[in-house]
């Protein structure tokens, strides 16, 4: 079993989907704007939601990185 319970094949499928949806492009643009390491945001999205835009955490987590509406 791979680290973090995801196989290389699953990770590639996830990344390909994120690329096709435009998520990778948006993450890279945000990282450049804020001078963050390239790949950081897509890595967070990968572990939070498998790069899927969804509602989580009892209805409080939003989006691919699960921003909590109670924290804003």
C-alpha atoms as a PDB file:
ATOM      1  CA  UNK A   1       0.000   0.000   0.000  1.00  0.00           C
ATOM      2  CA  UNK A   2       1.255   3.447  -0.872  1.00  0.00           C
ATOM      3  CA  UNK A   3       1.889   6.274   1.552  1.00  0.00           C
ATOM      4  CA  UNK A   4      -1.381   8.009   2.519  1.00  0.00           C
ATOM      5  CA  UNK A   5      -3.417   5.065   1.189  1.00  0.00           C
ATOM      6  CA  UNK A   6      -3.298   6.096  -2.467  1.00  0.00           C
ATOM      7  CA  UNK A   7      -1.554   4.197  -5.217  1.00  0.00           C
ATOM      8  CA  UNK A   8       0.516   5.914  -7.890  1.00  0.00           C
ATOM      9  CA  UNK A   9      -2.142   4.987 -10.455  1.00  0.00           C
ATOM     10  CA  UNK A  10      -4.926   6.503  -8.325  1.00  0.00           C
ATOM     11  CA  UNK A  11      -2.866   9.637  -7.798  1.00  0.00           C
ATOM     12  CA  UNK A  12      -2.255   9.989 -11.540  1.00  0.00           C
ATOM     13  CA  UNK A  13      -5.972   9.571 -12.277  1.00  0.00           C
ATOM     14  CA  UNK A  14      -6.774  12.188  -9.650  1.00  0.00           C
ATOM     15  CA  UNK A  15      -4.174  14.601 -11.052  1.00  0.00           C
ATOM     16  CA  UNK A  16      -5.353  14.065 -14.630  1.00  0.00           C
ATOM     17  CA  UNK A  17      -8.919  14.907 -13.572  1.00  0.00           C
ATOM     18  CA  UNK A  18      -7.722  18.009 -11.733  1.00  0.00           C
ATOM     19  CA  UNK A  19      -5.782  19.055 -14.825  1.00  0.00           C
ATOM     20  CA  UNK A  20      -8.792  18.584 -17.100  1.00  0.00           C
ATOM     21  CA  UNK A  21     -11.079  20.551 -14.775  1.00  0.00           C
ATOM     22  CA  UNK A  22      -8.642  23.486 -14.621  1.00  0.00           C
ATOM     23  CA  UNK A  23      -7.899  22.989 -10.936  1.00  0.00           C
ATOM     24  CA  UNK A  24      -4.165  22.516 -11.466  1.00  0.00           C
ATOM     25  CA  UNK A  25      -3.928  25.733 -13.504  1.00  0.00           C
ATOM     26  CA  UNK A  26      -5.838  27.691 -10.846  1.00  0.00           C
ATOM     27  CA  UNK A  27      -3.724  26.285  -8.030  1.00  0.00           C
ATOM     28  CA  UNK A  28      -0.484  27.120  -9.827  1.00  0.00           C
ATOM     29  CA  UNK A  29      -1.686  30.686 -10.486  1.00  0.00           C
ATOM     30  CA  UNK A  30      -2.635  31.172  -6.827  1.00  0.00           C
ATOM     31  CA  UNK A  31       0.715  29.755  -5.704  1.00  0.00           C
ATOM     32  CA  UNK A  32       2.611  32.136  -7.976  1.00  0.00           C
ATOM     33  CA  UNK A  33       0.546  35.100  -6.768  1.00  0.00           C
ATOM     34  CA  UNK A  34       1.224  34.330  -3.108  1.00  0.00           C
ATOM     35  CA  UNK A  35       4.774  33.029  -3.647  1.00  0.00           C
ATOM     36  CA  UNK A  36       3.917  29.541  -2.402  1.00  0.00           C
ATOM     37  CA  UNK A  37       5.767  26.401  -3.476  1.00  0.00           C
ATOM     38  CA  UNK A  38       4.455  25.000  -6.763  1.00  0.00           C
ATOM     39  CA  UNK A  39       2.221  22.012  -6.127  1.00  0.00           C
ATOM     40  CA  UNK A  40       1.349  22.861  -2.529  1.00  0.00           C
ATOM     41  CA  UNK A  41      -2.332  23.675  -3.102  1.00  0.00           C
ATOM     42  CA  UNK A  42      -3.006  20.732  -5.384  1.00  0.00           C
ATOM     43  CA  UNK A  43      -1.341  18.482  -2.795  1.00  0.00           C
ATOM     44  CA  UNK A  44      -3.652  19.845  -0.094  1.00  0.00           C
ATOM     45  CA  UNK A  45      -6.678  19.396  -2.367  1.00  0.00           C
ATOM     46  CA  UNK A  46      -5.571  15.856  -3.105  1.00  0.00           C
ATOM     47  CA  UNK A  47      -5.485  14.844   0.538  1.00  0.00           C
ATOM     48  CA  UNK A  48      -8.564  16.818   1.584  1.00  0.00           C
ATOM     49  CA  UNK A  49     -11.013  15.768  -1.143  1.00  0.00           C
ATOM     50  CA  UNK A  50      -9.174  13.807  -3.837  1.00  0.00           C
ATOM     51  CA  UNK A  51      -9.378  17.066  -5.847  1.00  0.00           C
ATOM     52  CA  UNK A  52     -13.183  17.049  -5.897  1.00  0.00           C
ATOM     53  CA  UNK A  53     -15.248  20.155  -5.141  1.00  0.00           C
ATOM     54  CA  UNK A  54     -17.601  19.031  -2.398  1.00  0.00           C
ATOM     55  CA  UNK A  55     -19.309  19.879   0.850  1.00  0.00           C
ATOM     56  CA  UNK A  56     -17.821  18.169   3.888  1.00  0.00           C
ATOM     57  CA  UNK A  57     -17.151  18.324   7.610  1.00  0.00           C
ATOM     58  CA  UNK A  58     -20.804  18.249   8.626  1.00  0.00           C
ATOM     59  CA  UNK A  59     -21.694  20.904   6.060  1.00  0.00           C
ATOM     60  CA  UNK A  60     -18.979  23.327   7.123  1.00  0.00           C
ATOM     61  CA  UNK A  61     -16.103  22.348   4.796  1.00  0.00           C
ATOM     62  CA  UNK A  62     -16.337  23.805   1.309  1.00  0.00           C
ATOM     63  CA  UNK A  63     -14.497  23.169  -1.935  1.00  0.00           C
ATOM     64  CA  UNK A  64     -11.458  21.148  -2.895  1.00  0.00           C
ATOM     65  CA  UNK A  65      -9.442  22.263   0.130  1.00  0.00           C
ATOM     66  CA  UNK A  66     -12.379  22.152   2.565  1.00  0.00           C
ATOM     67  CA  UNK A  67     -12.345  25.759   3.779  1.00  0.00           C
ATOM     68  CA  UNK A  68     -14.380  25.790   6.988  1.00  0.00           C
ATOM     69  CA  UNK A  69     -17.100  28.438   7.087  1.00  0.00           C
ATOM     70  CA  UNK A  70     -16.772  28.621  10.865  1.00  0.00           C
ATOM     71  CA  UNK A  71     -13.223  29.969  10.533  1.00  0.00           C
ATOM     72  CA  UNK A  72     -14.042  33.037   8.462  1.00  0.00           C
END
